[in-house]
Amino acid sequence: MQLFVKAMASLAVIVACSQIGKRYPTLGGLIATMPLISLLVLLWLWSDQPGDYRLMTEYTKGVLWGIIPTILFFVVAHLLFRRHLPLSLVLAASFGVWLAGAAVHHYFLR
């Protein structure tokens, strides 16, 4: 039951962002970049392992440094969308850049 509640709360955030994004794209983007999912994960981690500050510290370090590959993803997506390229190409290129950034992230944080 706890897993179901976690999934529904996470899904609610995603659906809310997409619904708001239809009417107010920049507001939807702002809400999507809010640390809502990270907040939920912090709450889930803490509820599963209360008092485990090492886990919380490592998780927040990963999120902090993970912002860089995410920024690269959106820079590439923004530039390619401005050129009116197909969604599949934009996503492939953006995820490729994110994956390279994530590999560097993982290499330095292991």
PDB file of N, CA and C in Angstrom:
ATOM      1  N   MET A   1       0.826  -1.196   0.000  1.00  0.00           N
ATOM      2  CA  MET A   1       0.000   0.000   0.000  1.00  0.00           C
ATOM      3  C   MET A   1       0.870   1.259   0.000  1.00  0.00           C
ATOM      4  N   GLN A   2       1.976   1.219   0.762  1.00  0.00           N
ATOM      5  CA  GLN A   2       2.856   2.390   0.835  1.00  0.00           C
ATOM      6  C   GLN A   2       3.447   2.709  -0.542  1.00  0.00           C
ATOM      7  N   LEU A   3       3.830   1.696  -1.301  1.00  0.00           N
ATOM      8  CA  LEU A   3       4.365   1.907  -2.644  1.00  0.00           C
ATOM      9  C   LEU A   3       3.307   2.538  -3.546  1.00  0.00           C
ATOM     10  N   PHE A   4       2.063   2.107  -3.411  1.00  0.00           N
ATOM     11  CA  PHE A   4       0.970   2.668  -4.204  1.00  0.00           C
ATOM     12  C   PHE A   4       0.776   4.145  -3.892  1.00  0.00           C
ATOM     13  N   VAL A   5       0.810   4.523  -2.633  1.00  0.00           N
ATOM     14  CA  VAL A   5       0.659   5.929  -2.231  1.00  0.00           C
ATOM     15  C   VAL A   5       1.808   6.761  -2.801  1.00  0.00           C
ATOM     16  N   LYS A   6       3.014   6.243  -2.731  1.00  0.00           N
ATOM     17  CA  LYS A   6       4.175   6.942  -3.286  1.00  0.00           C
ATOM     18  C   LYS A   6       4.008   7.154  -4.792  1.00  0.00           C
ATOM     19  N   ALA A   7       3.582   6.111  -5.479  1.00  0.00           N
ATOM     20  CA  ALA A   7       3.410   6.202  -6.931  1.00  0.00           C
ATOM     21  C   ALA A   7       2.319   7.205  -7.293  1.00  0.00           C
ATOM     22  N   MET A   8       1.224   7.206  -6.560  1.00  0.00           N
ATOM     23  CA  MET A   8       0.123   8.122  -6.858  1.00  0.00           C
ATOM     24  C   MET A   8       0.511   9.578  -6.583  1.00  0.00           C
ATOM     25  N   ALA A   9       1.246   9.823  -5.518  1.00  0.00           N
ATOM     26  CA  ALA A   9       1.705  11.187  -5.213  1.00  0.00           C
ATOM     27  C   ALA A   9       2.653  11.681  -6.306  1.00  0.00           C
ATOM     28  N   SER A  10       3.562  10.831  -6.731  1.00  0.00           N
ATOM     29  CA  SER A  10       4.499  11.205  -7.789  1.00  0.00           C
ATOM     30  C   SER A  10       3.769  11.436  -9.105  1.00  0.00           C
ATOM     31  N   LEU A  11       2.835  10.577  -9.417  1.00  0.00           N
ATOM     32  CA  LEU A  11       2.054  10.717 -10.634  1.00  0.00           C
ATOM     33  C   LEU A  11       1.238  12.008 -10.616  1.00  0.00           C
ATOM     34  N   ALA A  12       0.699  12.372  -9.472  1.00  0.00           N
ATOM     35  CA  ALA A  12      -0.091  13.603  -9.356  1.00  0.00           C
ATOM     36  C   ALA A  12       0.751  14.831  -9.707  1.00  0.00           C
ATOM     37  N   VAL A  13       1.993  14.843  -9.276  1.00  0.00           N
ATOM     38  CA  VAL A  13       2.883  15.969  -9.592  1.00  0.00           C
ATOM     39  C   VAL A  13       3.122  16.037 -11.100  1.00  0.00           C
ATOM     40  N   ILE A  14       3.384  14.916 -11.726  1.00  0.00           N
ATOM     41  CA  ILE A  14       3.657  14.883 -13.168  1.00  0.00           C
ATOM     42  C   ILE A  14       2.423  15.311 -13.965  1.00  0.00           C
ATOM     43  N   VAL A  15       1.264  14.789 -13.596  1.00  0.00           N
ATOM     44  CA  VAL A  15       0.033  15.147 -14.301  1.00  0.00           C
ATOM     45  C   VAL A  15      -0.272  16.632 -14.119  1.00  0.00           C
ATOM     46  N   ALA A  16      -0.098  17.151 -12.921  1.00  0.00           N
ATOM     47  CA  ALA A  16      -0.342  18.577 -12.676  1.00  0.00           C
ATOM     48  C   ALA A  16       0.569  19.436 -13.552  1.00  0.00           C
ATOM     49  N   CYS A  17       1.839  19.077 -13.646  1.00  0.00           N
ATOM     50  CA  CYS A  17       2.777  19.838 -14.488  1.00  0.00           C
ATOM     51  C   CYS A  17       2.345  19.818 -15.950  1.00  0.00           C
ATOM     52  N   SER A  18       1.934  18.667 -16.437  1.00  0.00           N
ATOM     53  CA  SER A  18       1.557  18.592 -17.851  1.00  0.00           C
ATOM     54  C   SER A  18       0.250  19.346 -18.114  1.00  0.00           C
ATOM     55  N   GLN A  19      -0.678  19.305 -17.180  1.00  0.00           N
ATOM     56  CA  GLN A  19      -1.936  20.028 -17.373  1.00  0.00           C
ATOM     57  C   GLN A  19      -1.721  21.537 -17.317  1.00  0.00           C
ATOM     58  N   ILE A  20      -0.931  22.003 -16.372  1.00  0.00           N
ATOM     59  CA  ILE A  20      -0.617  23.432 -16.279  1.00  0.00           C
ATOM     60  C   ILE A  20       0.185  23.864 -17.499  1.00  0.00           C
ATOM     61  N   GLY A  21       1.110  22.999 -17.945  1.00  0.00           N
ATOM     62  CA  GLY A  21       1.949  23.308 -19.101  1.00  0.00           C
ATOM     63  C   GLY A  21       1.167  23.492 -20.392  1.00  0.00           C
ATOM     64  N   LYS A  22       0.006  22.860 -20.509  1.00  0.00           N
ATOM     65  CA  LYS A  22      -0.821  23.044 -21.709  1.00  0.00           C
ATOM     66  C   LYS A  22      -1.317  24.478 -21.826  1.00  0.00           C
ATOM     67  N   ARG A  23      -1.668  25.057 -20.715  1.00  0.00           N
ATOM     68  CA  ARG A  23      -2.233  26.411 -20.722  1.00  0.00           C
ATOM     69  C   ARG A  23      -1.167  27.480 -20.501  1.00  0.00           C
ATOM     70  N   TYR A  24      -0.223  27.193 -19.612  1.00  0.00           N
ATOM     71  CA  TYR A  24       0.836  28.143 -19.278  1.00  0.00           C
ATOM     72  C   TYR A  24       2.179  27.414 -19.381  1.00  0.00           C
ATOM     73  N   PRO A  25       2.739  27.341 -20.595  1.00  0.00           N
ATOM     74  CA  PRO A  25       3.955  26.526 -20.791  1.00  0.00           C
ATOM     75  C   PRO A  25       5.124  26.913 -19.882  1.00  0.00           C
ATOM     76  N   THR A  26       5.390  28.201 -19.721  1.00  0.00           N
ATOM     77  CA  THR A  26       6.547  28.574 -18.898  1.00  0.00           C
ATOM     78  C   THR A  26       6.289  28.280 -17.424  1.00  0.00           C
ATOM     79  N   LEU A  27       5.049  28.453 -16.962  1.00  0.00           N
ATOM     80  CA  LEU A  27       4.726  28.110 -15.576  1.00  0.00           C
ATOM     81  C   LEU A  27       4.820  26.605 -15.366  1.00  0.00           C
ATOM     82  N   GLY A  28       4.332  25.833 -16.344  1.00  0.00           N
ATOM     83  CA  GLY A  28       4.466  24.380 -16.257  1.00  0.00           C
ATOM     84  C   GLY A  28       5.921  23.955 -16.181  1.00  0.00           C
ATOM     85  N   GLY A  29       6.777  24.627 -16.972  1.00  0.00           N
ATOM     86  CA  GLY A  29       8.211  24.339 -16.924  1.00  0.00           C
ATOM     87  C   GLY A  29       8.821  24.699 -15.583  1.00  0.00           C
ATOM     88  N   LEU A  30       8.393  25.836 -15.038  1.00  0.00           N
ATOM     89  CA  LEU A  30       8.907  26.251 -13.725  1.00  0.00           C
ATOM     90  C   LEU A  30       8.511  25.242 -12.654  1.00  0.00           C
ATOM     91  N   ILE A  31       7.259  24.826 -12.680  1.00  0.00           N
ATOM     92  CA  ILE A  31       6.797  23.857 -11.688  1.00  0.00           C
ATOM     93  C   ILE A  31       7.531  22.530 -11.865  1.00  0.00           C
ATOM     94  N   ALA A  32       7.749  22.129 -13.122  1.00  0.00           N
ATOM     95  CA  ALA A  32       8.447  20.866 -13.374  1.00  0.00           C
ATOM     96  C   ALA A  32       9.878  20.893 -12.857  1.00  0.00           C
ATOM     97  N   THR A  33      10.499  22.070 -12.839  1.00  0.00           N
ATOM     98  CA  THR A  33      11.879  22.146 -12.360  1.00  0.00           C
ATOM     99  C   THR A  33      11.970  22.386 -10.861  1.00  0.00           C
ATOM    100  N   MET A  34      10.838  22.605 -10.234  1.00  0.00           N
ATOM    101  CA  MET A  34      10.849  22.729  -8.779  1.00  0.00           C
ATOM    102  C   MET A  34      11.313  21.401  -8.196  1.00  0.00           C
ATOM    103  N   PRO A  35      11.896  21.430  -7.054  1.00  0.00           N
ATOM    104  CA  PRO A  35      12.367  20.163  -6.478  1.00  0.00           C
ATOM    105  C   PRO A  35      11.245  19.332  -5.859  1.00  0.00           C
ATOM    106  N   LEU A  36      10.091  19.285  -6.521  1.00  0.00           N
ATOM    107  CA  LEU A  36       8.961  18.528  -5.983  1.00  0.00           C
ATOM    108  C   LEU A  36       9.254  17.030  -5.924  1.00  0.00           C
ATOM    109  N   ILE A  37       9.780  16.484  -7.019  1.00  0.00           N
ATOM    110  CA  ILE A  37      10.086  15.052  -7.025  1.00  0.00           C
ATOM    111  C   ILE A  37      11.208  14.756  -6.032  1.00  0.00           C
ATOM    112  N   SER A  38      12.219  15.619  -6.004  1.00  0.00           N
ATOM    113  CA  SER A  38      13.295  15.417  -5.029  1.00  0.00           C
ATOM    114  C   SER A  38      12.772  15.515  -3.601  1.00  0.00           C
ATOM    115  N   LEU A  39      11.828  16.426  -3.385  1.00  0.00           N
ATOM    116  CA  LEU A  39      11.215  16.530  -2.055  1.00  0.00           C
ATOM    117  C   LEU A  39      10.497  15.237  -1.699  1.00  0.00           C
ATOM    118  N   LEU A  40       9.727  14.711  -2.644  1.00  0.00           N
ATOM    119  CA  LEU A  40       9.041  13.440  -2.387  1.00  0.00           C
ATOM    120  C   LEU A  40      10.043  12.325  -2.109  1.00  0.00           C
ATOM    121  N   VAL A  41      11.115  12.281  -2.892  1.00  0.00           N
ATOM    122  CA  VAL A  41      12.124  11.235  -2.675  1.00  0.00           C
ATOM    123  C   VAL A  41      12.764  11.394  -1.304  1.00  0.00           C
ATOM    124  N   LEU A  42      13.075  12.631  -0.923  1.00  0.00           N
ATOM    125  CA  LEU A  42      13.633  12.842   0.421  1.00  0.00           C
ATOM    126  C   LEU A  42      12.673  12.340   1.503  1.00  0.00           C
ATOM    127  N   LEU A  43      11.401  12.629   1.338  1.00  0.00           N
ATOM    128  CA  LEU A  43      10.411  12.156   2.304  1.00  0.00           C
ATOM    129  C   LEU A  43      10.324  10.637   2.318  1.00  0.00           C
ATOM    130  N   TRP A  44      10.346  10.026   1.104  1.00  0.00           N
ATOM    131  CA  TRP A  44      10.267   8.564   1.033  1.00  0.00           C
ATOM    132  C   TRP A  44      11.517   7.932   1.655  1.00  0.00           C
ATOM    133  N   LEU A  45      12.692   8.465   1.320  1.00  0.00           N
ATOM    134  CA  LEU A  45      13.930   7.919   1.888  1.00  0.00           C
ATOM    135  C   LEU A  45      13.934   8.036   3.404  1.00  0.00           C
ATOM    136  N   TRP A  46      13.522   9.199   3.899  1.00  0.00           N
ATOM    137  CA  TRP A  46      13.526   9.426   5.354  1.00  0.00           C
ATOM    138  C   TRP A  46      12.517   8.505   6.037  1.00  0.00           C
ATOM    139  N   SER A  47      11.361   8.313   5.406  1.00  0.00           N
ATOM    140  CA  SER A  47      10.360   7.432   6.039  1.00  0.00           C
ATOM    141  C   SER A  47      10.816   5.975   6.015  1.00  0.00           C
ATOM    142  N   ASP A  48      11.566   5.589   4.987  1.00  0.00           N
ATOM    143  CA  ASP A  48      12.070   4.215   4.900  1.00  0.00           C
ATOM    144  C   ASP A  48      13.271   3.979   5.818  1.00  0.00           C
ATOM    145  N   GLN A  49      14.118   5.017   5.962  1.00  0.00           N
ATOM    146  CA  GLN A  49      15.334   4.879   6.781  1.00  0.00           C
ATOM    147  C   GLN A  49      15.542   6.135   7.625  1.00  0.00           C
ATOM    148  N   PRO A  50      14.696   6.352   8.618  1.00  0.00           N
ATOM    149  CA  PRO A  50      14.794   7.578   9.424  1.00  0.00           C
ATOM    150  C   PRO A  50      16.149   7.695  10.122  1.00  0.00           C
ATOM    151  N   GLY A  51      16.678   8.907  10.085  1.00  0.00           N
ATOM    152  CA  GLY A  51      17.943   9.177  10.763  1.00  0.00           C
ATOM    153  C   GLY A  51      19.180   8.803   9.979  1.00  0.00           C
ATOM    154  N   ASP A  52      19.043   8.305   8.761  1.00  0.00           N
ATOM    155  CA  ASP A  52      20.203   7.917   7.955  1.00  0.00           C
ATOM    156  C   ASP A  52      20.714   9.151   7.200  1.00  0.00           C
ATOM    157  N   TYR A  53      21.495   9.953   7.889  1.00  0.00           N
ATOM    158  CA  TYR A  53      21.997  11.200   7.304  1.00  0.00           C
ATOM    159  C   TYR A  53      23.012  10.950   6.191  1.00  0.00           C
ATOM    160  N   ARG A  54      23.710   9.843   6.250  1.00  0.00           N
ATOM    161  CA  ARG A  54      24.646   9.523   5.169  1.00  0.00           C
ATOM    162  C   ARG A  54      23.877   9.340   3.863  1.00  0.00           C
ATOM    163  N   LEU A  55      22.794   8.584   3.924  1.00  0.00           N
ATOM    164  CA  LEU A  55      21.958   8.370   2.746  1.00  0.00           C
ATOM    165  C   LEU A  55      21.417   9.702   2.225  1.00  0.00           C
ATOM    166  N   MET A  56      20.917  10.538   3.120  1.00  0.00           N
ATOM    167  CA  MET A  56      20.341  11.818   2.724  1.00  0.00           C
ATOM    168  C   MET A  56      21.418  12.735   2.121  1.00  0.00           C
ATOM    169  N   THR A  57      22.597  12.737   2.720  1.00  0.00           N
ATOM    170  CA  THR A  57      23.696  13.564   2.221  1.00  0.00           C
ATOM    171  C   THR A  57      24.129  13.111   0.834  1.00  0.00           C
ATOM    172  N   GLU A  58      24.282  11.815   0.647  1.00  0.00           N
ATOM    173  CA  GLU A  58      24.693  11.293  -0.655  1.00  0.00           C
ATOM    174  C   GLU A  58      23.625  11.547  -1.713  1.00  0.00           C
ATOM    175  N   TYR A  59      22.367  11.378  -1.341  1.00  0.00           N
ATOM    176  CA  TYR A  59      21.286  11.637  -2.297  1.00  0.00           C
ATOM    177  C   TYR A  59      21.287  13.099  -2.725  1.00  0.00           C
ATOM    178  N   THR A  60      21.351  14.019  -1.759  1.00  0.00           N
ATOM    179  CA  THR A  60      21.311  15.442  -2.113  1.00  0.00           C
ATOM    180  C   THR A  60      22.555  15.852  -2.897  1.00  0.00           C
ATOM    181  N   LYS A  61      23.701  15.225  -2.627  1.00  0.00           N
ATOM    182  CA  LYS A  61      24.905  15.509  -3.425  1.00  0.00           C
ATOM    183  C   LYS A  61      24.690  15.064  -4.862  1.00  0.00           C
ATOM    184  N   GLY A  62      24.095  13.894  -5.037  1.00  0.00           N
ATOM    185  CA  GLY A  62      23.818  13.401  -6.380  1.00  0.00           C
ATOM    186  C   GLY A  62      22.853  14.312  -7.132  1.00  0.00           C
ATOM    187  N   VAL A  63      21.829  14.798  -6.443  1.00  0.00           N
ATOM    188  CA  VAL A  63      20.876  15.718  -7.069  1.00  0.00           C
ATOM    189  C   VAL A  63      21.563  17.031  -7.432  1.00  0.00           C
ATOM    190  N   LEU A  64      22.334  17.562  -6.505  1.00  0.00           N
ATOM    191  CA  LEU A  64      23.015  18.836  -6.742  1.00  0.00           C
ATOM    192  C   LEU A  64      23.893  18.767  -7.981  1.00  0.00           C
ATOM    193  N   TRP A  65      24.747  17.755  -8.057  1.00  0.00           N
ATOM    194  CA  TRP A  65      25.641  17.643  -9.205  1.00  0.00           C
ATOM    195  C   TRP A  65      24.914  17.125 -10.442  1.00  0.00           C
ATOM    196  N   GLY A  66      23.765  16.471 -10.250  1.00  0.00           N
ATOM    197  CA  GLY A  66      22.971  16.005 -11.374  1.00  0.00           C
ATOM    198  C   GLY A  66      22.266  17.128 -12.111  1.00  0.00           C
ATOM    199  N   ILE A  67      22.247  18.296 -11.526  1.00  0.00           N
ATOM    200  CA  ILE A  67      21.636  19.453 -12.180  1.00  0.00           C
ATOM    201  C   ILE A  67      22.393  19.788 -13.471  1.00  0.00           C
ATOM    202  N   ILE A  68      23.692  19.585 -13.481  1.00  0.00           N
ATOM    203  CA  ILE A  68      24.503  19.952 -14.652  1.00  0.00           C
ATOM    204  C   ILE A  68      24.094  19.152 -15.893  1.00  0.00           C
ATOM    205  N   PRO A  69      24.023  17.801 -15.836  1.00  0.00           N
ATOM    206  CA  PRO A  69      23.556  17.079 -17.028  1.00  0.00           C
ATOM    207  C   PRO A  69      22.124  17.460 -17.413  1.00  0.00           C
ATOM    208  N   THR A  70      21.298  17.754 -16.430  1.00  0.00           N
ATOM    209  CA  THR A  70      19.915  18.152 -16.721  1.00  0.00           C
ATOM    210  C   THR A  70      19.883  19.493 -17.445  1.00  0.00           C
ATOM    211  N   ILE A  71      20.715  20.425 -17.031  1.00  0.00           N
ATOM    212  CA  ILE A  71      20.799  21.710 -17.732  1.00  0.00           C
ATOM    213  C   ILE A  71      21.243  21.483 -19.169  1.00  0.00           C
ATOM    214  N   LEU A  72      22.233  20.622 -19.361  1.00  0.00           N
ATOM    215  CA  LEU A  72      22.694  20.321 -20.717  1.00  0.00           C
ATOM    216  C   LEU A  72      21.573  19.733 -21.560  1.00  0.00           C
ATOM    217  N   PHE A  73      20.774  18.847 -20.974  1.00  0.00           N
ATOM    218  CA  PHE A  73      19.629  18.266 -21.681  1.00  0.00           C
ATOM    219  C   PHE A  73      18.710  19.368 -22.201  1.00  0.00           C
ATOM    220  N   PHE A  74      18.353  20.307 -21.326  1.00  0.00           N
ATOM    221  CA  PHE A  74      17.396  21.336 -21.725  1.00  0.00           C
ATOM    222  C   PHE A  74      17.999  22.380 -22.655  1.00  0.00           C
ATOM    223  N   VAL A  75      19.284  22.643 -22.543  1.00  0.00           N
ATOM    224  CA  VAL A  75      19.930  23.561 -23.492  1.00  0.00           C
ATOM    225  C   VAL A  75      19.870  22.967 -24.895  1.00  0.00           C
ATOM    226  N   VAL A  76      20.231  21.695 -25.022  1.00  0.00           N
ATOM    227  CA  VAL A  76      20.191  21.041 -26.329  1.00  0.00           C
ATOM    228  C   VAL A  76      18.753  20.987 -26.851  1.00  0.00           C
ATOM    229  N   ALA A  77      17.807  20.595 -26.002  1.00  0.00           N
ATOM    230  CA  ALA A  77      16.403  20.520 -26.434  1.00  0.00           C
ATOM    231  C   ALA A  77      15.907  21.887 -26.890  1.00  0.00           C
ATOM    232  N   HIS A  78      16.207  22.917 -26.131  1.00  0.00           N
ATOM    233  CA  HIS A  78      15.766  24.270 -26.488  1.00  0.00           C
ATOM    234  C   HIS A  78      16.334  24.696 -27.849  1.00  0.00           C
ATOM    235  N   LEU A  79      17.619  24.485 -28.038  1.00  0.00           N
ATOM    236  CA  LEU A  79      18.251  24.881 -29.294  1.00  0.00           C
ATOM    237  C   LEU A  79      17.680  24.107 -30.484  1.00  0.00           C
ATOM    238  N   LEU A  80      17.440  22.813 -30.297  1.00  0.00           N
ATOM    239  CA  LEU A  80      16.923  22.006 -31.403  1.00  0.00           C
ATOM    240  C   LEU A  80      15.451  22.290 -31.684  1.00  0.00           C
ATOM    241  N   PHE A  81      14.677  22.549 -30.642  1.00  0.00           N
ATOM    242  CA  PHE A  81      13.273  22.925 -30.867  1.00  0.00           C
ATOM    243  C   PHE A  81      13.177  24.255 -31.610  1.00  0.00           C
ATOM    244  N   ARG A  82      14.089  25.179 -31.306  1.00  0.00           N
ATOM    245  CA  ARG A  82      14.086  26.465 -32.017  1.00  0.00           C
ATOM    246  C   ARG A  82      14.329  26.275 -33.506  1.00  0.00           C
ATOM    247  N   ARG A  83      14.999  25.194 -33.856  1.00  0.00           N
ATOM    248  CA  ARG A  83      15.259  24.884 -35.275  1.00  0.00           C
ATOM    249  C   ARG A  83      14.138  24.031 -35.878  1.00  0.00           C
ATOM    250  N   HIS A  84      13.096  23.805 -35.108  1.00  0.00           N
ATOM    251  CA  HIS A  84      11.919  23.053 -35.565  1.00  0.00           C
ATOM    252  C   HIS A  84      12.271  21.629 -35.985  1.00  0.00           C
ATOM    253  N   LEU A  85      13.190  21.011 -35.273  1.00  0.00           N
ATOM    254  CA  LEU A  85      13.562  19.633 -35.577  1.00  0.00           C
ATOM    255  C   LEU A  85      12.515  18.677 -34.995  1.00  0.00           C
ATOM    256  N   PRO A  86      12.410  17.478 -35.539  1.00  0.00           N
ATOM    257  CA  PRO A  86      11.409  16.515 -35.050  1.00  0.00           C
ATOM    258  C   PRO A  86      11.658  16.139 -33.585  1.00  0.00           C
ATOM    259  N   LEU A  87      10.573  15.870 -32.894  1.00  0.00           N
ATOM    260  CA  LEU A  87      10.644  15.517 -31.476  1.00  0.00           C
ATOM    261  C   LEU A  87      11.590  14.346 -31.235  1.00  0.00           C
ATOM    262  N   SER A  88      11.518  13.337 -32.080  1.00  0.00           N
ATOM    263  CA  SER A  88      12.374  12.159 -31.875  1.00  0.00           C
ATOM    264  C   SER A  88      13.855  12.525 -31.933  1.00  0.00           C
ATOM    265  N   LEU A  89      14.236  13.404 -32.841  1.00  0.00           N
ATOM    266  CA  LEU A  89      15.626  13.833 -32.944  1.00  0.00           C
ATOM    267  C   LEU A  89      16.021  14.692 -31.744  1.00  0.00           C
ATOM    268  N   VAL A  90      15.133  15.582 -31.343  1.00  0.00           N
ATOM    269  CA  VAL A  90      15.403  16.440 -30.180  1.00  0.00           C
ATOM    270  C   VAL A  90      15.619  15.582 -28.939  1.00  0.00           C
ATOM    271  N   LEU A  91      14.728  14.635 -28.716  1.00  0.00           N
ATOM    272  CA  LEU A  91      14.852  13.782 -27.528  1.00  0.00           C
ATOM    273  C   LEU A  91      16.084  12.899 -27.585  1.00  0.00           C
ATOM    274  N   ALA A  92      16.385  12.348 -28.758  1.00  0.00           N
ATOM    275  CA  ALA A  92      17.569  11.498 -28.887  1.00  0.00           C
ATOM    276  C   ALA A  92      18.840  12.291 -28.600  1.00  0.00           C
ATOM    277  N   ALA A  93      18.953  13.479 -29.185  1.00  0.00           N
ATOM    278  CA  ALA A  93      20.146  14.303 -28.971  1.00  0.00           C
ATOM    279  C   ALA A  93      20.232  14.777 -27.518  1.00  0.00           C
ATOM    280  N   SER A  94      19.112  15.202 -26.979  1.00  0.00           N
ATOM    281  CA  SER A  94      19.098  15.718 -25.605  1.00  0.00           C
ATOM    282  C   SER A  94      19.456  14.623 -24.606  1.00  0.00           C
ATOM    283  N   PHE A  95      18.851  13.446 -24.791  1.00  0.00           N
ATOM    284  CA  PHE A  95      19.178  12.348 -23.889  1.00  0.00           C
ATOM    285  C   PHE A  95      20.603  11.861 -24.089  1.00  0.00           C
ATOM    286  N   GLY A  96      21.106  11.933 -25.316  1.00  0.00           N
ATOM    287  CA  GLY A  96      22.503  11.570 -25.558  1.00  0.00           C
ATOM    288  C   GLY A  96      23.451  12.473 -24.792  1.00  0.00           C
ATOM    289  N   VAL A  97      23.177  13.770 -24.846  1.00  0.00           N
ATOM    290  CA  VAL A  97      24.006  14.725 -24.108  1.00  0.00           C
ATOM    291  C   VAL A  97      23.841  14.507 -22.607  1.00  0.00           C
ATOM    292  N   TRP A  98      22.590  14.276 -22.170  1.00  0.00           N
ATOM    293  CA  TRP A  98      22.362  14.019 -20.741  1.00  0.00           C
ATOM    294  C   TRP A  98      23.094  12.760 -20.298  1.00  0.00           C
ATOM    295  N   LEU A  99      23.043  11.708 -21.121  1.00  0.00           N
ATOM    296  CA  LEU A  99      23.701  10.454 -20.775  1.00  0.00           C
ATOM    297  C   LEU A  99      25.213  10.638 -20.642  1.00  0.00           C
ATOM    298  N   ALA A 100      25.804  11.407 -21.550  1.00  0.00           N
ATOM    299  CA  ALA A 100      27.243  11.693 -21.443  1.00  0.00           C
ATOM    300  C   ALA A 100      27.535  12.462 -20.162  1.00  0.00           C
ATOM    301  N   GLY A 101      26.706  13.468 -19.872  1.00  0.00           N
ATOM    302  CA  GLY A 101      26.876  14.227 -18.627  1.00  0.00           C
ATOM    303  C   GLY A 101      26.670  13.361 -17.397  1.00  0.00           C
ATOM    304  N   ALA A 102      25.696  12.443 -17.472  1.00  0.00           N
ATOM    305  CA  ALA A 102      25.442  11.545 -16.349  1.00  0.00           C
ATOM    306  C   ALA A 102      26.615  10.589 -16.130  1.00  0.00           C
ATOM    307  N   ALA A 103      27.248  10.156 -17.219  1.00  0.00           N
ATOM    308  CA  ALA A 103      28.421   9.274 -17.088  1.00  0.00           C
ATOM    309  C   ALA A 103      29.563  10.008 -16.395  1.00  0.00           C
ATOM    310  N   VAL A 104      29.772  11.271 -16.765  1.00  0.00           N
ATOM    311  CA  VAL A 104      30.807  12.071 -16.105  1.00  0.00           C
ATOM    312  C   VAL A 104      30.426  12.275 -14.636  1.00  0.00           C
ATOM    313  N   HIS A 105      29.162  12.582 -14.381  1.00  0.00           N
ATOM    314  CA  HIS A 105      28.641  12.751 -13.019  1.00  0.00           C
ATOM    315  C   HIS A 105      28.942  11.509 -12.181  1.00  0.00           C
ATOM    316  N   HIS A 106      28.592  10.343 -12.724  1.00  0.00           N
ATOM    317  CA  HIS A 106      28.790   9.104 -11.994  1.00  0.00           C
ATOM    318  C   HIS A 106      30.282   8.817 -11.762  1.00  0.00           C
ATOM    319  N   TYR A 107      31.095   9.113 -12.765  1.00  0.00           N
ATOM    320  CA  TYR A 107      32.531   8.870 -12.645  1.00  0.00           C
ATOM    321  C   TYR A 107      33.123   9.676 -11.492  1.00  0.00           C
ATOM    322  N   PHE A 108      32.745  10.943 -11.404  1.00  0.00           N
ATOM    323  CA  PHE A 108      33.337  11.804 -10.370  1.00  0.00           C
ATOM    324  C   PHE A 108      32.720  11.624  -8.993  1.00  0.00           C
ATOM    325  N   LEU A 109      31.497  11.112  -8.903  1.00  0.00           N
ATOM    326  CA  LEU A 109      30.846  10.972  -7.603  1.00  0.00           C
ATOM    327  C   LEU A 109      30.882   9.560  -7.020  1.00  0.00           C
ATOM    328  N   ARG A 110      31.488   8.630  -7.722  1.00  0.00           N
ATOM    329  CA  ARG A 110      31.524   7.266  -7.167  1.00  0.00           C
ATOM    330  C   ARG A 110      32.525   7.117  -6.072  1.00  0.00           C
TER     331      ARG A 110
END
